[in-house]
Amino acid sequence: MPTYLIERNIPGAKSLSATELQEISAKSNAAVAGLGQPYTWITSYVAGDKFYCVHEAQSADVIIQHGKDGGFPVNSVTEVSAVIGPQTAQRG
């Protein structure tokens, strides 16, 4: 299943409380459950006024539907073409 990076502009994101983040997480989980198709929320990072999320789905359209169902903005969706890190230098 393709992996996508999602950027969500959420003013004040860096100041959200633990309770607010828990509520957002619950809304996302409910939206995933309601999609009725394979979908995995891997992780999200809160940085400044943005959420950067990593999800797996069949298409960008499914990512957008998740955002609509959960009431989350979807400012950009980009399919991941490769994953690299320090260990990548050791291969080969």
PDB file of N, CA and C in Angstrom:
ATOM      1  N   MET A   1       0.853  -1.168   0.000  1.00  0.00           N
ATOM      2  CA  MET A   1       0.000   0.000   0.000  1.00  0.00           C
ATOM      3  C   MET A   1       0.901   1.233   0.000  1.00  0.00           C
ATOM      4  N   PRO A   2       0.613   2.222  -0.805  1.00  0.00           N
ATOM      5  CA  PRO A   2       1.436   3.429  -0.853  1.00  0.00           C
ATOM      6  C   PRO A   2       1.443   4.176   0.483  1.00  0.00           C
ATOM      7  N   THR A   3       2.562   4.857   0.736  1.00  0.00           N
ATOM      8  CA  THR A   3       2.708   5.698   1.913  1.00  0.00           C
ATOM      9  C   THR A   3       2.651   7.154   1.467  1.00  0.00           C
ATOM     10  N   TYR A   4       1.981   7.980   2.254  1.00  0.00           N
ATOM     11  CA  TYR A   4       1.810   9.388   1.925  1.00  0.00           C
ATOM     12  C   TYR A   4       2.246  10.274   3.087  1.00  0.00           C
ATOM     13  N   LEU A   5       2.787  11.439   2.740  1.00  0.00           N
ATOM     14  CA  LEU A   5       3.037  12.502   3.701  1.00  0.00           C
ATOM     15  C   LEU A   5       1.918  13.521   3.533  1.00  0.00           C
ATOM     16  N   ILE A   6       1.303  13.889   4.641  1.00  0.00           N
ATOM     17  CA  ILE A   6       0.197  14.837   4.615  1.00  0.00           C
ATOM     18  C   ILE A   6       0.600  16.053   5.435  1.00  0.00           C
ATOM     19  N   GLU A   7       0.387  17.221   4.882  1.00  0.00           N
ATOM     20  CA  GLU A   7       0.635  18.471   5.611  1.00  0.00           C
ATOM     21  C   GLU A   7      -0.717  19.094   5.933  1.00  0.00           C
ATOM     22  N   ARG A   8      -0.894  19.413   7.218  1.00  0.00           N
ATOM     23  CA  ARG A   8      -2.141  20.019   7.679  1.00  0.00           C
ATOM     24  C   ARG A   8      -1.808  21.330   8.384  1.00  0.00           C
ATOM     25  N   ASN A   9      -2.295  22.441   7.880  1.00  0.00           N
ATOM     26  CA  ASN A   9      -2.098  23.736   8.527  1.00  0.00           C
ATOM     27  C   ASN A   9      -3.155  23.890   9.615  1.00  0.00           C
ATOM     28  N   ILE A  10      -2.699  23.947  10.865  1.00  0.00           N
ATOM     29  CA  ILE A  10      -3.596  24.065  12.010  1.00  0.00           C
ATOM     30  C   ILE A  10      -3.038  25.161  12.914  1.00  0.00           C
ATOM     31  N   PRO A  11      -3.539  26.391  12.757  1.00  0.00           N
ATOM     32  CA  PRO A  11      -3.030  27.485  13.587  1.00  0.00           C
ATOM     33  C   PRO A  11      -3.083  27.128  15.075  1.00  0.00           C
ATOM     34  N   GLY A  12      -1.986  27.375  15.768  1.00  0.00           N
ATOM     35  CA  GLY A  12      -1.907  27.078  17.194  1.00  0.00           C
ATOM     36  C   GLY A  12      -1.602  25.630  17.515  1.00  0.00           C
ATOM     37  N   ALA A  13      -1.259  24.834  16.510  1.00  0.00           N
ATOM     38  CA  ALA A  13      -1.026  23.405  16.727  1.00  0.00           C
ATOM     39  C   ALA A  13      -0.005  23.151  17.833  1.00  0.00           C
ATOM     40  N   LYS A  14       1.069  23.931  17.851  1.00  0.00           N
ATOM     41  CA  LYS A  14       2.135  23.689  18.829  1.00  0.00           C
ATOM     42  C   LYS A  14       1.674  23.930  20.263  1.00  0.00           C
ATOM     43  N   SER A  15       0.550  24.607  20.444  1.00  0.00           N
ATOM     44  CA  SER A  15       0.047  24.914  21.780  1.00  0.00           C
ATOM     45  C   SER A  15      -1.112  24.013  22.207  1.00  0.00           C
ATOM     46  N   LEU A  16      -1.452  23.027  21.388  1.00  0.00           N
ATOM     47  CA  LEU A  16      -2.547  22.130  21.750  1.00  0.00           C
ATOM     48  C   LEU A  16      -2.180  21.344  23.006  1.00  0.00           C
ATOM     49  N   SER A  17      -3.149  21.169  23.876  1.00  0.00           N
ATOM     50  CA  SER A  17      -2.923  20.425  25.119  1.00  0.00           C
ATOM     51  C   SER A  17      -2.926  18.920  24.846  1.00  0.00           C
ATOM     52  N   ALA A  18      -2.470  18.168  25.820  1.00  0.00           N
ATOM     53  CA  ALA A  18      -2.490  16.705  25.705  1.00  0.00           C
ATOM     54  C   ALA A  18      -3.919  16.215  25.496  1.00  0.00           C
ATOM     55  N   THR A  19      -4.869  16.827  26.162  1.00  0.00           N
ATOM     56  CA  THR A  19      -6.275  16.438  26.009  1.00  0.00           C
ATOM     57  C   THR A  19      -6.753  16.730  24.587  1.00  0.00           C
ATOM     58  N   GLU A  20      -6.406  17.886  24.051  1.00  0.00           N
ATOM     59  CA  GLU A  20      -6.807  18.229  22.682  1.00  0.00           C
ATOM     60  C   GLU A  20      -6.174  17.279  21.672  1.00  0.00           C
ATOM     61  N   LEU A  21      -4.917  16.929  21.876  1.00  0.00           N
ATOM     62  CA  LEU A  21      -4.258  15.980  20.974  1.00  0.00           C
ATOM     63  C   LEU A  21      -4.910  14.599  21.070  1.00  0.00           C
ATOM     64  N   GLN A  22      -5.316  14.217  22.268  1.00  0.00           N
ATOM     65  CA  GLN A  22      -6.008  12.937  22.444  1.00  0.00           C
ATOM     66  C   GLN A  22      -7.342  12.949  21.694  1.00  0.00           C
ATOM     67  N   GLU A  23      -8.059  14.058  21.767  1.00  0.00           N
ATOM     68  CA  GLU A  23      -9.334  14.177  21.057  1.00  0.00           C
ATOM     69  C   GLU A  23      -9.143  14.120  19.543  1.00  0.00           C
ATOM     70  N   ILE A  24      -8.115  14.783  19.051  1.00  0.00           N
ATOM     71  CA  ILE A  24      -7.813  14.746  17.614  1.00  0.00           C
ATOM     72  C   ILE A  24      -7.475  13.321  17.191  1.00  0.00           C
ATOM     73  N   SER A  25      -6.692  12.639  18.007  1.00  0.00           N
ATOM     74  CA  SER A  25      -6.326  11.255  17.713  1.00  0.00           C
ATOM     75  C   SER A  25      -7.564  10.359  17.653  1.00  0.00           C
ATOM     76  N   ALA A  26      -8.470  10.536  18.596  1.00  0.00           N
ATOM     77  CA  ALA A  26      -9.697   9.734  18.607  1.00  0.00           C
ATOM     78  C   ALA A  26     -10.542  10.008  17.361  1.00  0.00           C
ATOM     79  N   LYS A  27     -10.629  11.284  16.940  1.00  0.00           N
ATOM     80  CA  LYS A  27     -11.366  11.629  15.719  1.00  0.00           C
ATOM     81  C   LYS A  27     -10.732  10.978  14.502  1.00  0.00           C
ATOM     82  N   SER A  28      -9.393  10.972  14.456  1.00  0.00           N
ATOM     83  CA  SER A  28      -8.706  10.356  13.327  1.00  0.00           C
ATOM     84  C   SER A  28      -8.963   8.853  13.308  1.00  0.00           C
ATOM     85  N   ASN A  29      -8.871   8.215  14.473  1.00  0.00           N
ATOM     86  CA  ASN A  29      -9.131   6.770  14.546  1.00  0.00           C
ATOM     87  C   ASN A  29     -10.545   6.441  14.094  1.00  0.00           C
ATOM     88  N   ALA A  30     -11.523   7.253  14.497  1.00  0.00           N
ATOM     89  CA  ALA A  30     -12.908   7.024  14.088  1.00  0.00           C
ATOM     90  C   ALA A  30     -13.067   7.205  12.575  1.00  0.00           C
ATOM     91  N   ALA A  31     -12.386   8.210  12.019  1.00  0.00           N
ATOM     92  CA  ALA A  31     -12.447   8.428  10.574  1.00  0.00           C
ATOM     93  C   ALA A  31     -11.831   7.254   9.823  1.00  0.00           C
ATOM     94  N   VAL A  32     -10.714   6.729  10.327  1.00  0.00           N
ATOM     95  CA  VAL A  32     -10.090   5.555   9.704  1.00  0.00           C
ATOM     96  C   VAL A  32     -11.055   4.379   9.734  1.00  0.00           C
ATOM     97  N   ALA A  33     -11.676   4.130  10.888  1.00  0.00           N
ATOM     98  CA  ALA A  33     -12.605   3.002  11.024  1.00  0.00           C
ATOM     99  C   ALA A  33     -13.801   3.144  10.095  1.00  0.00           C
ATOM    100  N   GLY A  34     -14.233   4.371   9.848  1.00  0.00           N
ATOM    101  CA  GLY A  34     -15.392   4.608   9.003  1.00  0.00           C
ATOM    102  C   GLY A  34     -15.124   4.536   7.512  1.00  0.00           C
ATOM    103  N   LEU A  35     -13.863   4.488   7.122  1.00  0.00           N
ATOM    104  CA  LEU A  35     -13.543   4.469   5.691  1.00  0.00           C
ATOM    105  C   LEU A  35     -13.970   3.173   5.019  1.00  0.00           C
ATOM    106  N   GLY A  36     -13.935   2.067   5.764  1.00  0.00           N
ATOM    107  CA  GLY A  36     -14.333   0.789   5.195  1.00  0.00           C
ATOM    108  C   GLY A  36     -13.366   0.232   4.171  1.00  0.00           C
ATOM    109  N   GLN A  37     -12.119   0.636   4.252  1.00  0.00           N
ATOM    110  CA  GLN A  37     -11.090   0.117   3.345  1.00  0.00           C
ATOM    111  C   GLN A  37      -9.736   0.190   4.038  1.00  0.00           C
ATOM    112  N   PRO A  38      -8.744  -0.513   3.507  1.00  0.00           N
ATOM    113  CA  PRO A  38      -7.431  -0.511   4.160  1.00  0.00           C
ATOM    114  C   PRO A  38      -6.862   0.900   4.298  1.00  0.00           C
ATOM    115  N   TYR A  39      -6.412   1.209   5.504  1.00  0.00           N
ATOM    116  CA  TYR A  39      -5.865   2.535   5.787  1.00  0.00           C
ATOM    117  C   TYR A  39      -5.099   2.423   7.094  1.00  0.00           C
ATOM    118  N   THR A  40      -3.879   2.932   7.110  1.00  0.00           N
ATOM    119  CA  THR A  40      -3.079   2.903   8.328  1.00  0.00           C
ATOM    120  C   THR A  40      -2.517   4.277   8.609  1.00  0.00           C
ATOM    121  N   TRP A  41      -2.817   4.794   9.781  1.00  0.00           N
ATOM    122  CA  TRP A  41      -2.196   6.021  10.266  1.00  0.00           C
ATOM    123  C   TRP A  41      -0.936   5.581  10.986  1.00  0.00           C
ATOM    124  N   ILE A  42       0.217   5.965  10.477  1.00  0.00           N
ATOM    125  CA  ILE A  42       1.489   5.524  11.056  1.00  0.00           C
ATOM    126  C   ILE A  42       1.913   6.458  12.181  1.00  0.00           C
ATOM    127  N   THR A  43       2.010   7.744  11.904  1.00  0.00           N
ATOM    128  CA  THR A  43       2.411   8.710  12.933  1.00  0.00           C
ATOM    129  C   THR A  43       2.121  10.113  12.447  1.00  0.00           C
ATOM    130  N   SER A  44       2.151  11.055  13.378  1.00  0.00           N
ATOM    131  CA  SER A  44       2.026  12.471  13.039  1.00  0.00           C
ATOM    132  C   SER A  44       2.995  13.256  13.900  1.00  0.00           C
ATOM    133  N   TYR A  45       3.505  14.328  13.329  1.00  0.00           N
ATOM    134  CA  TYR A  45       4.412  15.237  14.028  1.00  0.00           C
ATOM    135  C   TYR A  45       3.752  16.602  14.096  1.00  0.00           C
ATOM    136  N   VAL A  46       3.793  17.219  15.265  1.00  0.00           N
ATOM    137  CA  VAL A  46       3.277  18.572  15.437  1.00  0.00           C
ATOM    138  C   VAL A  46       4.482  19.495  15.475  1.00  0.00           C
ATOM    139  N   ALA A  47       4.506  20.465  14.565  1.00  0.00           N
ATOM    140  CA  ALA A  47       5.632  21.400  14.473  1.00  0.00           C
ATOM    141  C   ALA A  47       5.083  22.761  14.076  1.00  0.00           C
ATOM    142  N   GLY A  48       5.249  23.721  14.970  1.00  0.00           N
ATOM    143  CA  GLY A  48       4.727  25.053  14.682  1.00  0.00           C
ATOM    144  C   GLY A  48       3.226  25.005  14.521  1.00  0.00           C
ATOM    145  N   ASP A  49       2.737  25.543  13.437  1.00  0.00           N
ATOM    146  CA  ASP A  49       1.303  25.575  13.152  1.00  0.00           C
ATOM    147  C   ASP A  49       0.893  24.487  12.169  1.00  0.00           C
ATOM    148  N   LYS A  50       1.600  23.367  12.192  1.00  0.00           N
ATOM    149  CA  LYS A  50       1.320  22.306  11.227  1.00  0.00           C
ATOM    150  C   LYS A  50       1.370  20.939  11.881  1.00  0.00           C
ATOM    151  N   PHE A  51       0.629  20.032  11.283  1.00  0.00           N
ATOM    152  CA  PHE A  51       0.774  18.603  11.548  1.00  0.00           C
ATOM    153  C   PHE A  51       1.386  18.021  10.282  1.00  0.00           C
ATOM    154  N   TYR A  52       2.363  17.162  10.434  1.00  0.00           N
ATOM    155  CA  TYR A  52       2.942  16.400   9.331  1.00  0.00           C
ATOM    156  C   TYR A  52       2.637  14.938   9.641  1.00  0.00           C
ATOM    157  N   CYS A  53       1.859  14.315   8.785  1.00  0.00           N
ATOM    158  CA  CYS A  53       1.357  12.974   9.060  1.00  0.00           C
ATOM    159  C   CYS A  53       1.877  11.984   8.027  1.00  0.00           C
ATOM    160  N   VAL A  54       2.049  10.750   8.480  1.00  0.00           N
ATOM    161  CA  VAL A  54       2.455   9.652   7.613  1.00  0.00           C
ATOM    162  C   VAL A  54       1.342   8.611   7.668  1.00  0.00           C
ATOM    163  N   HIS A  55       0.722   8.369   6.517  1.00  0.00           N
ATOM    164  CA  HIS A  55      -0.382   7.418   6.423  1.00  0.00           C
ATOM    165  C   HIS A  55      -0.151   6.491   5.237  1.00  0.00           C
ATOM    166  N   GLU A  56      -0.738   5.315   5.316  1.00  0.00           N
ATOM    167  CA  GLU A  56      -0.760   4.383   4.186  1.00  0.00           C
ATOM    168  C   GLU A  56      -2.211   4.251   3.725  1.00  0.00           C
ATOM    169  N   ALA A  57      -2.407   4.359   2.417  1.00  0.00           N
ATOM    170  CA  ALA A  57      -3.751   4.248   1.839  1.00  0.00           C
ATOM    171  C   ALA A  57      -3.616   3.844   0.378  1.00  0.00           C
ATOM    172  N   GLN A  58      -4.741   3.446  -0.198  1.00  0.00           N
ATOM    173  CA  GLN A  58      -4.727   3.028  -1.600  1.00  0.00           C
ATOM    174  C   GLN A  58      -4.498   4.196  -2.558  1.00  0.00           C
ATOM    175  N   SER A  59      -4.891   5.417  -2.142  1.00  0.00           N
ATOM    176  CA  SER A  59      -4.739   6.564  -3.041  1.00  0.00           C
ATOM    177  C   SER A  59      -4.802   7.858  -2.238  1.00  0.00           C
ATOM    178  N   ALA A  60      -4.393   8.937  -2.885  1.00  0.00           N
ATOM    179  CA  ALA A  60      -4.499  10.264  -2.271  1.00  0.00           C
ATOM    180  C   ALA A  60      -5.961  10.629  -2.029  1.00  0.00           C
ATOM    181  N   ASP A  61      -6.860  10.140  -2.869  1.00  0.00           N
ATOM    182  CA  ASP A  61      -8.285  10.420  -2.679  1.00  0.00           C
ATOM    183  C   ASP A  61      -8.788   9.874  -1.346  1.00  0.00           C
ATOM    184  N   VAL A  62      -8.273   8.730  -0.939  1.00  0.00           N
ATOM    185  CA  VAL A  62      -8.674   8.146   0.346  1.00  0.00           C
ATOM    186  C   VAL A  62      -8.133   8.998   1.493  1.00  0.00           C
ATOM    187  N   ILE A  63      -6.925   9.528   1.337  1.00  0.00           N
ATOM    188  CA  ILE A  63      -6.351  10.434   2.338  1.00  0.00           C
ATOM    189  C   ILE A  63      -7.250  11.668   2.489  1.00  0.00           C
ATOM    190  N   ILE A  64      -7.672  12.206   1.380  1.00  0.00           N
ATOM    191  CA  ILE A  64      -8.541  13.396   1.398  1.00  0.00           C
ATOM    192  C   ILE A  64      -9.880  13.067   2.054  1.00  0.00           C
ATOM    193  N   GLN A  65     -10.430  11.889   1.771  1.00  0.00           N
ATOM    194  CA  GLN A  65     -11.692  11.483   2.390  1.00  0.00           C
ATOM    195  C   GLN A  65     -11.532  11.360   3.901  1.00  0.00           C
ATOM    196  N   HIS A  66     -10.420  10.799   4.354  1.00  0.00           N
ATOM    197  CA  HIS A  66     -10.146  10.704   5.790  1.00  0.00           C
ATOM    198  C   HIS A  66     -10.164  12.092   6.425  1.00  0.00           C
ATOM    199  N   GLY A  67      -9.514  13.052   5.768  1.00  0.00           N
ATOM    200  CA  GLY A  67      -9.497  14.420   6.274  1.00  0.00           C
ATOM    201  C   GLY A  67     -10.896  15.014   6.369  1.00  0.00           C
ATOM    202  N   LYS A  68     -11.712  14.798   5.342  1.00  0.00           N
ATOM    203  CA  LYS A  68     -13.090  15.308   5.354  1.00  0.00           C
ATOM    204  C   LYS A  68     -13.884  14.664   6.484  1.00  0.00           C
ATOM    205  N   ASP A  69     -13.774  13.338   6.593  1.00  0.00           N
ATOM    206  CA  ASP A  69     -14.540  12.615   7.599  1.00  0.00           C
ATOM    207  C   ASP A  69     -14.130  13.010   9.019  1.00  0.00           C
ATOM    208  N   GLY A  70     -12.848  13.310   9.214  1.00  0.00           N
ATOM    209  CA  GLY A  70     -12.362  13.685  10.539  1.00  0.00           C
ATOM    210  C   GLY A  70     -12.417  15.168  10.818  1.00  0.00           C
ATOM    211  N   GLY A  71     -12.695  15.963   9.784  1.00  0.00           N
ATOM    212  CA  GLY A  71     -12.721  17.410   9.946  1.00  0.00           C
ATOM    213  C   GLY A  71     -11.329  18.021  10.008  1.00  0.00           C
ATOM    214  N   PHE A  72     -10.371  17.361   9.357  1.00  0.00           N
ATOM    215  CA  PHE A  72      -8.987  17.835   9.353  1.00  0.00           C
ATOM    216  C   PHE A  72      -8.655  18.485   8.023  1.00  0.00           C
ATOM    217  N   PRO A  73      -7.886  19.576   8.037  1.00  0.00           N
ATOM    218  CA  PRO A  73      -7.433  20.140   6.764  1.00  0.00           C
ATOM    219  C   PRO A  73      -6.422  19.206   6.094  1.00  0.00           C
ATOM    220  N   VAL A  74      -6.432  19.201   4.798  1.00  0.00           N
ATOM    221  CA  VAL A  74      -5.436  18.462   4.011  1.00  0.00           C
ATOM    222  C   VAL A  74      -4.849  19.474   3.043  1.00  0.00           C
ATOM    223  N   ASN A  75      -3.731  20.088   3.438  1.00  0.00           N
ATOM    224  CA  ASN A  75      -3.139  21.133   2.610  1.00  0.00           C
ATOM    225  C   ASN A  75      -2.248  20.587   1.515  1.00  0.00           C
ATOM    226  N   SER A  76      -1.653  19.421   1.755  1.00  0.00           N
ATOM    227  CA  SER A  76      -0.925  18.744   0.680  1.00  0.00           C
ATOM    228  C   SER A  76      -0.830  17.264   1.010  1.00  0.00           C
ATOM    229  N   VAL A  77      -0.809  16.471  -0.055  1.00  0.00           N
ATOM    230  CA  VAL A  77      -0.655  15.017   0.043  1.00  0.00           C
ATOM    231  C   VAL A  77       0.399  14.632  -0.979  1.00  0.00           C
ATOM    232  N   THR A  78       1.462  13.981  -0.527  1.00  0.00           N
ATOM    233  CA  THR A  78       2.546  13.585  -1.423  1.00  0.00           C
ATOM    234  C   THR A  78       2.873  12.123  -1.188  1.00  0.00           C
ATOM    235  N   GLU A  79       2.898  11.339  -2.262  1.00  0.00           N
ATOM    236  CA  GLU A  79       3.262   9.928  -2.141  1.00  0.00           C
ATOM    237  C   GLU A  79       4.767   9.811  -1.916  1.00  0.00           C
ATOM    238  N   VAL A  80       5.151   8.966  -0.986  1.00  0.00           N
ATOM    239  CA  VAL A  80       6.559   8.717  -0.682  1.00  0.00           C
ATOM    240  C   VAL A  80       7.126   7.808  -1.770  1.00  0.00           C
ATOM    241  N   SER A  81       8.242   8.223  -2.357  1.00  0.00           N
ATOM    242  CA  SER A  81       8.861   7.420  -3.414  1.00  0.00           C
ATOM    243  C   SER A  81      10.045   6.610  -2.911  1.00  0.00           C
ATOM    244  N   ALA A  82      10.635   7.015  -1.778  1.00  0.00           N
ATOM    245  CA  ALA A  82      11.756   6.274  -1.196  1.00  0.00           C
ATOM    246  C   ALA A  82      11.924   6.708   0.249  1.00  0.00           C
ATOM    247  N   VAL A  83      12.516   5.842   1.031  1.00  0.00           N
ATOM    248  CA  VAL A  83      12.833   6.156   2.414  1.00  0.00           C
ATOM    249  C   VAL A  83      14.332   5.958   2.603  1.00  0.00           C
ATOM    250  N   ILE A  84      15.016   6.957   3.141  1.00  0.00           N
ATOM    251  CA  ILE A  84      16.443   6.835   3.397  1.00  0.00           C
ATOM    252  C   ILE A  84      16.734   7.309   4.819  1.00  0.00           C
ATOM    253  N   GLY A  85      17.879   6.971   5.297  1.00  0.00           N
ATOM    254  CA  GLY A  85      18.340   7.397   6.607  1.00  0.00           C
ATOM    255  C   GLY A  85      19.814   7.058   6.737  1.00  0.00           C
ATOM    256  N   PRO A  86      20.387   7.199   7.924  1.00  0.00           N
ATOM    257  CA  PRO A  86      21.806   6.922   8.100  1.00  0.00           C
ATOM    258  C   PRO A  86      22.194   5.518   7.642  1.00  0.00           C
ATOM    259  N   GLN A  87      21.293   4.564   7.872  1.00  0.00           N
ATOM    260  CA  GLN A  87      21.576   3.170   7.485  1.00  0.00           C
ATOM    261  C   GLN A  87      21.684   2.982   5.982  1.00  0.00           C
ATOM    262  N   THR A  88      21.109   3.894   5.183  1.00  0.00           N
ATOM    263  CA  THR A  88      21.162   3.776   3.741  1.00  0.00           C
ATOM    264  C   THR A  88      22.620   3.825   3.249  1.00  0.00           C
ATOM    265  N   ALA A  89      23.473   4.558   3.908  1.00  0.00           N
ATOM    266  CA  ALA A  89      24.875   4.662   3.519  1.00  0.00           C
ATOM    267  C   ALA A  89      25.616   3.348   3.680  1.00  0.00           C
ATOM    268  N   GLN A  90      25.094   2.455   4.502  1.00  0.00           N
ATOM    269  CA  GLN A  90      25.757   1.189   4.781  1.00  0.00           C
ATOM    270  C   GLN A  90      25.431   0.110   3.766  1.00  0.00           C
ATOM    271  N   ARG A  91      24.430   0.339   2.959  1.00  0.00           N
ATOM    272  CA  ARG A  91      24.024  -0.677   1.994  1.00  0.00           C
ATOM    273  C   ARG A  91      24.933  -0.647   0.774  1.00  0.00           C
ATOM    274  N   GLY A  92      25.047  -1.788   0.156  1.00  0.00           N
ATOM    275  CA  GLY A  92      25.721  -1.807  -1.126  1.00  0.00           C
ATOM    276  C   GLY A  92      27.049  -2.346  -1.091  1.00  0.00           C
TER     277      GLY A  92
END
